Amino acid sequence: MFQKTDFWIGLAVGAVAGIFGYRFMQEREQQMAALQQSMAPAGQIPLAELQRQKEELEDMIAAQEAAQAE
């Protein structure tokens, strides 16, 4: 069994695939952790940012209302 070339090739391919899969999963976990840390709950968003977003939305609403009135 250990003298067959196909066995050793399969073993090597499996080991390489396992290593790459493990590295991919580790990188993915790090990306997810970084994403979770960057997302802040709504209570932690600065008031100035919320007011800026509110004004932007009000401007968009007014523009759509004006376009519908025409």
C-alpha atoms as a PDB file:
ATOM      1  CA  MET A   1       0.000   0.000   0.000  1.00  0.00           C
ATOM      2  CA  PHE A   2       2.751   2.508   0.902  1.00  0.00           C
ATOM      3  CA  GLN A   3       4.690   1.664  -2.245  1.00  0.00           C
ATOM      4  CA  LYS A   4       1.981   2.880  -4.597  1.00  0.00           C
ATOM      5  CA  THR A   5       2.657   6.306  -6.031  1.00  0.00           C
ATOM      6  CA  ASP A   6      -1.041   7.194  -6.124  1.00  0.00           C
ATOM      7  CA  PHE A   7      -1.251   6.808  -2.351  1.00  0.00           C
ATOM      8  CA  TRP A   8       1.601   9.245  -1.722  1.00  0.00           C
ATOM      9  CA  ILE A   9       0.287  11.726  -4.278  1.00  0.00           C
ATOM     10  CA  GLY A  10      -3.162  11.582  -2.684  1.00  0.00           C
ATOM     11  CA  LEU A  11      -1.678  11.996   0.766  1.00  0.00           C
ATOM     12  CA  ALA A  12       0.350  15.027  -0.335  1.00  0.00           C
ATOM     13  CA  VAL A  13      -2.615  16.626  -2.102  1.00  0.00           C
ATOM     14  CA  GLY A  14      -4.804  16.056   0.950  1.00  0.00           C
ATOM     15  CA  ALA A  15      -2.209  17.568   3.280  1.00  0.00           C
ATOM     16  CA  VAL A  16      -1.754  20.644   1.081  1.00  0.00           C
ATOM     17  CA  ALA A  17      -5.513  21.105   0.757  1.00  0.00           C
ATOM     18  CA  GLY A  18      -5.876  20.805   4.533  1.00  0.00           C
ATOM     19  CA  ILE A  19      -3.191  23.411   5.162  1.00  0.00           C
ATOM     20  CA  PHE A  20      -4.702  25.877   2.713  1.00  0.00           C
ATOM     21  CA  GLY A  21      -8.185  25.247   4.097  1.00  0.00           C
ATOM     22  CA  TYR A  22      -6.970  25.850   7.631  1.00  0.00           C
ATOM     23  CA  ARG A  23      -5.231  29.095   6.643  1.00  0.00           C
ATOM     24  CA  PHE A  24      -8.336  30.271   4.785  1.00  0.00           C
ATOM     25  CA  MET A  25     -10.539  29.612   7.805  1.00  0.00           C
ATOM     26  CA  GLN A  26      -8.114  31.445  10.120  1.00  0.00           C
ATOM     27  CA  GLU A  27      -8.079  34.496   7.832  1.00  0.00           C
ATOM     28  CA  ARG A  28     -11.873  34.404   7.579  1.00  0.00           C
ATOM     29  CA  GLU A  29     -12.207  34.314  11.371  1.00  0.00           C
ATOM     30  CA  GLN A  30      -9.895  37.327  11.657  1.00  0.00           C
ATOM     31  CA  GLN A  31     -11.927  39.234   9.062  1.00  0.00           C
ATOM     32  CA  MET A  32     -15.167  38.443  10.888  1.00  0.00           C
ATOM     33  CA  ALA A  33     -13.698  39.524  14.231  1.00  0.00           C
ATOM     34  CA  ALA A  34     -12.503  42.802  12.707  1.00  0.00           C
ATOM     35  CA  LEU A  35     -15.909  43.381  11.130  1.00  0.00           C
ATOM     36  CA  GLN A  36     -17.711  42.748  14.417  1.00  0.00           C
ATOM     37  CA  GLN A  37     -15.414  45.172  16.230  1.00  0.00           C
ATOM     38  CA  SER A  38     -15.972  47.875  13.627  1.00  0.00           C
ATOM     39  CA  MET A  39     -19.758  47.630  13.898  1.00  0.00           C
ATOM     40  CA  ALA A  40     -20.922  49.800  16.769  1.00  0.00           C
ATOM     41  CA  PRO A  41     -24.365  49.528  18.364  1.00  0.00           C
ATOM     42  CA  ALA A  42     -26.804  52.338  17.537  1.00  0.00           C
ATOM     43  CA  GLY A  43     -26.350  53.923  20.967  1.00  0.00           C
ATOM     44  CA  GLN A  44     -22.659  54.520  20.306  1.00  0.00           C
ATOM     45  CA  ILE A  45     -23.032  56.494  17.072  1.00  0.00           C
ATOM     46  CA  PRO A  46     -22.165  60.146  17.718  1.00  0.00           C
ATOM     47  CA  LEU A  47     -25.130  62.526  17.803  1.00  0.00           C
ATOM     48  CA  ALA A  48     -23.583  64.771  15.144  1.00  0.00           C
ATOM     49  CA  GLU A  49     -23.418  61.825  12.714  1.00  0.00           C
ATOM     50  CA  LEU A  50     -27.047  60.939  13.376  1.00  0.00           C
ATOM     51  CA  GLN A  51     -28.122  64.540  12.776  1.00  0.00           C
ATOM     52  CA  ARG A  52     -26.138  64.656   9.521  1.00  0.00           C
ATOM     53  CA  GLN A  53     -27.839  61.468   8.332  1.00  0.00           C
ATOM     54  CA  LYS A  54     -31.257  62.847   9.349  1.00  0.00           C
ATOM     55  CA  GLU A  55     -30.715  66.054   7.378  1.00  0.00           C
ATOM     56  CA  GLU A  56     -29.554  64.076   4.351  1.00  0.00           C
ATOM     57  CA  LEU A  57     -32.675  61.900   4.498  1.00  0.00           C
ATOM     58  CA  GLU A  58     -34.930  64.942   4.866  1.00  0.00           C
ATOM     59  CA  ASP A  59     -33.280  66.491   1.793  1.00  0.00           C
ATOM     60  CA  MET A  60     -33.853  63.296  -0.191  1.00  0.00           C
ATOM     61  CA  ILE A  61     -37.502  63.175   0.893  1.00  0.00           C
ATOM     62  CA  ALA A  62     -38.031  66.799  -0.090  1.00  0.00           C
ATOM     63  CA  ALA A  63     -36.446  66.202  -3.506  1.00  0.00           C
ATOM     64  CA  GLN A  64     -38.711  63.211  -4.169  1.00  0.00           C
ATOM     65  CA  GLU A  65     -41.808  65.124  -3.050  1.00  0.00           C
ATOM     66  CA  ALA A  66     -40.874  67.994  -5.358  1.00  0.00           C
ATOM     67  CA  ALA A  67     -40.369  65.593  -8.269  1.00  0.00           C
ATOM     68  CA  GLN A  68     -43.780  64.018  -7.658  1.00  0.00           C
ATOM     69  CA  ALA A  69     -45.473  67.425  -7.482  1.00  0.00           C
ATOM     70  CA  GLU A  70     -44.285  68.326 -10.990  1.00  0.00           C
END
